[in-house]
C-alpha atoms as a PDB file:
ATOM      1  CA  UNK A   1       0.000   0.000   0.000  1.00  0.00           C
ATOM      2  CA  UNK A   2       1.350   3.486  -0.854  1.00  0.00           C
ATOM      3  CA  UNK A   3       2.413   5.635   2.092  1.00  0.00           C
ATOM      4  CA  UNK A   4       3.309   9.259   2.693  1.00  0.00           C
ATOM      5  CA  UNK A   5       6.660  10.320   1.235  1.00  0.00           C
ATOM      6  CA  UNK A   6       8.645  13.424   2.187  1.00  0.00           C
ATOM      7  CA  UNK A   7       9.269  16.284  -0.255  1.00  0.00           C
ATOM      8  CA  UNK A   8      12.636  17.076  -1.767  1.00  0.00           C
ATOM      9  CA  UNK A   9      15.240  18.653   0.515  1.00  0.00           C
ATOM     10  CA  UNK A  10      14.493  22.321   1.177  1.00  0.00           C
ATOM     11  CA  UNK A  11      10.802  21.996   0.294  1.00  0.00           C
ATOM     12  CA  UNK A  12       7.575  21.714   2.232  1.00  0.00           C
ATOM     13  CA  UNK A  13       4.893  19.230   1.304  1.00  0.00           C
ATOM     14  CA  UNK A  14       1.239  20.146   1.566  1.00  0.00           C
ATOM     15  CA  UNK A  15      -1.260  17.312   1.544  1.00  0.00           C
ATOM     16  CA  UNK A  16      -4.860  18.348   0.947  1.00  0.00           C
ATOM     17  CA  UNK A  17      -8.117  16.495   1.284  1.00  0.00           C
ATOM     18  CA  UNK A  18     -11.810  17.147   1.470  1.00  0.00           C
ATOM     19  CA  UNK A  19     -14.942  15.819   3.057  1.00  0.00           C
ATOM     20  CA  UNK A  20     -17.557  18.408   4.074  1.00  0.00           C
ATOM     21  CA  UNK A  21     -14.459  20.456   4.838  1.00  0.00           C
ATOM     22  CA  UNK A  22     -10.993  20.951   3.461  1.00  0.00           C
ATOM     23  CA  UNK A  23      -7.992  19.658   5.361  1.00  0.00           C
ATOM     24  CA  UNK A  24      -4.459  20.903   4.858  1.00  0.00           C
ATOM     25  CA  UNK A  25      -1.221  19.767   6.474  1.00  0.00           C
ATOM     26  CA  UNK A  26       2.299  21.092   5.945  1.00  0.00           C
ATOM     27  CA  UNK A  27       5.237  18.754   6.567  1.00  0.00           C
ATOM     28  CA  UNK A  28       8.953  19.053   6.025  1.00  0.00           C
ATOM     29  CA  UNK A  29      11.463  16.617   4.562  1.00  0.00           C
ATOM     30  CA  UNK A  30      11.702  14.770   7.900  1.00  0.00           C
ATOM     31  CA  UNK A  31       7.906  14.403   8.064  1.00  0.00           C
ATOM     32  CA  UNK A  32       7.580  16.891  10.923  1.00  0.00           C
ATOM     33  CA  UNK A  33       4.189  18.543  11.279  1.00  0.00           C
ATOM     34  CA  UNK A  34       4.555  22.169  10.178  1.00  0.00           C
ATOM     35  CA  UNK A  35       0.969  23.258  10.662  1.00  0.00           C
ATOM     36  CA  UNK A  36      -2.539  22.373   9.651  1.00  0.00           C
ATOM     37  CA  UNK A  37      -5.808  24.011   8.822  1.00  0.00           C
ATOM     38  CA  UNK A  38      -9.344  22.794   8.248  1.00  0.00           C
ATOM     39  CA  UNK A  39     -12.282  24.774   6.945  1.00  0.00           C
ATOM     40  CA  UNK A  40     -15.906  23.716   6.694  1.00  0.00           C
ATOM     41  CA  UNK A  41     -17.931  24.391   3.542  1.00  0.00           C
ATOM     42  CA  UNK A  42     -21.469  23.454   4.648  1.00  0.00           C
ATOM     43  CA  UNK A  43     -23.211  23.954   1.307  1.00  0.00           C
ATOM     44  CA  UNK A  44     -22.990  20.367   0.050  1.00  0.00           C
ATOM     45  CA  UNK A  45     -20.501  21.038  -2.749  1.00  0.00           C
ATOM     46  CA  UNK A  46     -19.586  18.121  -4.989  1.00  0.00           C
ATOM     47  CA  UNK A  47     -16.254  16.296  -4.713  1.00  0.00           C
ATOM     48  CA  UNK A  48     -14.230  18.040  -7.452  1.00  0.00           C
ATOM     49  CA  UNK A  49     -15.189  21.505  -6.200  1.00  0.00           C
ATOM     50  CA  UNK A  50     -14.178  20.521  -2.669  1.00  0.00           C
ATOM     51  CA  UNK A  51     -10.840  19.157  -3.939  1.00  0.00           C
ATOM     52  CA  UNK A  52     -10.219  22.457  -5.768  1.00  0.00           C
ATOM     53  CA  UNK A  53     -11.060  24.406  -2.614  1.00  0.00           C
ATOM     54  CA  UNK A  54      -8.650  22.190  -0.664  1.00  0.00           C
ATOM     55  CA  UNK A  55      -5.928  22.972  -3.225  1.00  0.00           C
ATOM     56  CA  UNK A  56      -6.564  26.718  -2.957  1.00  0.00           C
ATOM     57  CA  UNK A  57      -6.785  26.544   0.846  1.00  0.00           C
ATOM     58  CA  UNK A  58      -3.513  24.604   1.003  1.00  0.00           C
ATOM     59  CA  UNK A  59      -1.725  27.176  -1.129  1.00  0.00           C
ATOM     60  CA  UNK A  60      -3.119  30.039   0.962  1.00  0.00           C
ATOM     61  CA  UNK A  61      -2.088  28.336   4.207  1.00  0.00           C
ATOM     62  CA  UNK A  62       1.426  27.673   2.885  1.00  0.00           C
ATOM     63  CA  UNK A  63       1.665  31.319   1.811  1.00  0.00           C
ATOM     64  CA  UNK A  64       0.527  32.448   5.260  1.00  0.00           C
ATOM     65  CA  UNK A  65       3.257  30.281   6.805  1.00  0.00           C
ATOM     66  CA  UNK A  66       5.990  31.753   4.576  1.00  0.00           C
ATOM     67  CA  UNK A  67       6.640  28.638   2.495  1.00  0.00           C
ATOM     68  CA  UNK A  68       8.656  29.259  -0.697  1.00  0.00           C
ATOM     69  CA  UNK A  69       9.025  25.771  -2.227  1.00  0.00           C
ATOM     70  CA  UNK A  70       5.777  23.837  -2.092  1.00  0.00           C
ATOM     71  CA  UNK A  71       4.881  20.337  -3.263  1.00  0.00           C
ATOM     72  CA  UNK A  72       1.111  19.930  -3.199  1.00  0.00           C
ATOM     73  CA  UNK A  73      -0.460  16.488  -3.124  1.00  0.00           C
ATOM     74  CA  UNK A  74      -4.096  15.733  -3.826  1.00  0.00           C
ATOM     75  CA  UNK A  75      -5.939  12.441  -4.181  1.00  0.00           C
ATOM     76  CA  UNK A  76      -7.941  13.814  -7.133  1.00  0.00           C
ATOM     77  CA  UNK A  77      -6.523  12.789 -10.506  1.00  0.00           C
ATOM     78  CA  UNK A  78      -9.177  14.903 -12.232  1.00  0.00           C
ATOM     79  CA  UNK A  79      -8.010  18.028 -10.379  1.00  0.00           C
ATOM     80  CA  UNK A  80      -4.394  17.395 -11.400  1.00  0.00           C
ATOM     81  CA  UNK A  81      -5.472  17.073 -15.055  1.00  0.00           C
ATOM     82  CA  UNK A  82      -7.492  20.304 -14.904  1.00  0.00           C
ATOM     83  CA  UNK A  83      -4.596  22.092 -13.168  1.00  0.00           C
ATOM     84  CA  UNK A  84      -2.289  21.192 -16.042  1.00  0.00           C
ATOM     85  CA  UNK A  85      -4.759  22.745 -18.511  1.00  0.00           C
ATOM     86  CA  UNK A  86      -4.468  26.009 -16.575  1.00  0.00           C
ATOM     87  CA  UNK A  87      -6.779  28.861 -15.705  1.00  0.00           C
ATOM     88  CA  UNK A  88      -8.164  29.262 -19.252  1.00  0.00           C
ATOM     89  CA  UNK A  89     -10.608  26.384 -19.382  1.00  0.00           C
ATOM     90  CA  UNK A  90     -14.290  25.678 -19.206  1.00  0.00           C
ATOM     91  CA  UNK A  91     -14.856  23.758 -16.035  1.00  0.00           C
ATOM     92  CA  UNK A  92     -17.142  24.321 -13.089  1.00  0.00           C
ATOM     93  CA  UNK A  93     -14.031  24.804 -10.932  1.00  0.00           C
ATOM     94  CA  UNK A  94     -12.338  27.344 -13.243  1.00  0.00           C
ATOM     95  CA  UNK A  95     -12.851  30.275 -10.820  1.00  0.00           C
ATOM     96  CA  UNK A  96     -11.155  28.334  -8.017  1.00  0.00           C
ATOM     97  CA  UNK A  97      -8.312  27.243 -10.304  1.00  0.00           C
ATOM     98  CA  UNK A  98      -7.819  30.880 -11.337  1.00  0.00           C
ATOM     99  CA  UNK A  99      -7.520  31.892  -7.677  1.00  0.00           C
ATOM    100  CA  UNK A 100      -4.969  29.127  -7.128  1.00  0.00           C
ATOM    101  CA  UNK A 101      -2.974  30.147 -10.222  1.00  0.00           C
ATOM    102  CA  UNK A 102      -2.809  33.695  -8.840  1.00  0.00           C
ATOM    103  CA  UNK A 103      -1.305  32.286  -5.644  1.00  0.00           C
ATOM    104  CA  UNK A 104       1.372  30.454  -7.684  1.00  0.00           C
ATOM    105  CA  UNK A 105       3.419  33.608  -8.186  1.00  0.00           C
ATOM    106  CA  UNK A 106       4.021  33.768  -4.439  1.00  0.00           C
ATOM    107  CA  UNK A 107       6.124  30.584  -4.480  1.00  0.00           C
ATOM    108  CA  UNK A 108       9.593  30.156  -5.929  1.00  0.00           C
ATOM    109  CA  UNK A 109       8.734  26.534  -6.761  1.00  0.00           C
ATOM    110  CA  UNK A 110       5.337  24.868  -6.795  1.00  0.00           C
ATOM    111  CA  UNK A 111       4.351  21.416  -7.989  1.00  0.00           C
ATOM    112  CA  UNK A 112       0.950  19.723  -7.876  1.00  0.00           C
ATOM    113  CA  UNK A 113       0.921  15.948  -7.945  1.00  0.00           C
ATOM    114  CA  UNK A 114      -1.496  13.092  -7.448  1.00  0.00           C
ATOM    115  CA  UNK A 115      -1.142  10.944  -4.342  1.00  0.00           C
ATOM    116  CA  UNK A 116      -3.385   8.072  -3.306  1.00  0.00           C
ATOM    117  CA  UNK A 117      -5.806   8.574  -0.442  1.00  0.00           C
ATOM    118  CA  UNK A 118      -3.714   6.315   1.813  1.00  0.00           C
ATOM    119  CA  UNK A 119      -0.973   8.987   1.676  1.00  0.00           C
ATOM    120  CA  UNK A 120      -3.392  11.719   2.733  1.00  0.00           C
ATOM    121  CA  UNK A 121      -4.656  10.391   6.060  1.00  0.00           C
ATOM    122  CA  UNK A 122      -3.418  13.326   8.160  1.00  0.00           C
ATOM    123  CA  UNK A 123      -5.150  15.931   5.949  1.00  0.00           C
ATOM    124  CA  UNK A 124      -8.277  13.765   5.810  1.00  0.00           C
ATOM    125  CA  UNK A 125      -8.385  13.477   9.601  1.00  0.00           C
ATOM    126  CA  UNK A 126      -7.893  17.232  10.060  1.00  0.00           C
ATOM    127  CA  UNK A 127     -10.804  17.916   7.692  1.00  0.00           C
ATOM    128  CA  UNK A 128     -13.041  15.929  10.043  1.00  0.00           C
ATOM    129  CA  UNK A 129     -12.215  18.237  12.970  1.00  0.00           C
ATOM    130  CA  UNK A 130     -14.452  21.089  11.832  1.00  0.00           C
ATOM    131  CA  UNK A 131     -18.205  21.372  11.463  1.00  0.00           C
ATOM    132  CA  UNK A 132     -20.975  23.833  10.699  1.00  0.00           C
ATOM    133  CA  UNK A 133     -20.702  25.045  14.309  1.00  0.00           C
ATOM    134  CA  UNK A 134     -16.878  25.244  14.267  1.00  0.00           C
ATOM    135  CA  UNK A 135     -16.094  26.240  10.668  1.00  0.00           C
ATOM    136  CA  UNK A 136     -12.334  26.772  10.829  1.00  0.00           C
ATOM    137  CA  UNK A 137      -9.508  25.387  12.896  1.00  0.00           C
ATOM    138  CA  UNK A 138      -5.767  25.915  12.667  1.00  0.00           C
ATOM    139  CA  UNK A 139      -2.959  24.005  14.361  1.00  0.00           C
ATOM    140  CA  UNK A 140       0.681  24.994  14.821  1.00  0.00           C
ATOM    141  CA  UNK A 141       1.569  21.639  16.351  1.00  0.00           C
ATOM    142  CA  UNK A 142       0.049  18.247  15.615  1.00  0.00           C
ATOM    143  CA  UNK A 143      -3.270  17.739  17.423  1.00  0.00           C
ATOM    144  CA  UNK A 144      -3.794  14.482  19.276  1.00  0.00           C
ATOM    145  CA  UNK A 145      -6.057  13.133  16.515  1.00  0.00           C
ATOM    146  CA  UNK A 146      -3.111  12.926  14.056  1.00  0.00           C
ATOM    147  CA  UNK A 147      -0.006  12.405  16.222  1.00  0.00           C
ATOM    148  CA  UNK A 148       0.050   8.648  15.592  1.00  0.00           C
ATOM    149  CA  UNK A 149      -0.547   9.105  11.839  1.00  0.00           C
ATOM    150  CA  UNK A 150       2.326  11.605  11.577  1.00  0.00           C
ATOM    151  CA  UNK A 151       4.627   9.263  13.492  1.00  0.00           C
ATOM    152  CA  UNK A 152       3.735   6.240  11.358  1.00  0.00           C
ATOM    153  CA  UNK A 153       4.167   8.231   8.129  1.00  0.00           C
ATOM    154  CA  UNK A 154       7.539   9.617   9.211  1.00  0.00           C
ATOM    155  CA  UNK A 155       8.873   6.166  10.099  1.00  0.00           C
ATOM    156  CA  UNK A 156       7.658   4.273   7.024  1.00  0.00           C
ATOM    157  CA  UNK A 157       9.736   3.231   4.047  1.00  0.00           C
ATOM    158  CA  UNK A 158       6.867   2.943   1.554  1.00  0.00           C
ATOM    159  CA  UNK A 159       6.582   4.413  -1.882  1.00  0.00           C
ATOM    160  CA  UNK A 160       4.126   6.798  -3.464  1.00  0.00           C
END
């Protein structure tokens, strides 16, 4: 089974995921938790729109944390394909992709790649920590709900 892999030296990896909320986690080359954010979108948006929002939210969070070299991972192959087409497309998520493309200029290096859901467990778990009543949460250190996942990921020798 694929497992979380660290980014290249000198980069930060941002895993994103969605449920009824977006979940974002930043981790360094050693797998250390560099921060996380979750935001609830209670309007019943479909999966691709939520994945695009997670991408945009991940980029915004990385920008807020001063990241320069960012490797984004999503478990949506469709989003990766649409990202490669760029901001000039006809898709229901085009406005969100345009916002994300505008954020690109803030990074010296940015890559978006597909990663299987099994590599995104920390982001997925963080997304479950918010609700309609508690719409946004941010963590500077790993919350108890993901400490074991971060430890397992950091000590594994799997492949993407």
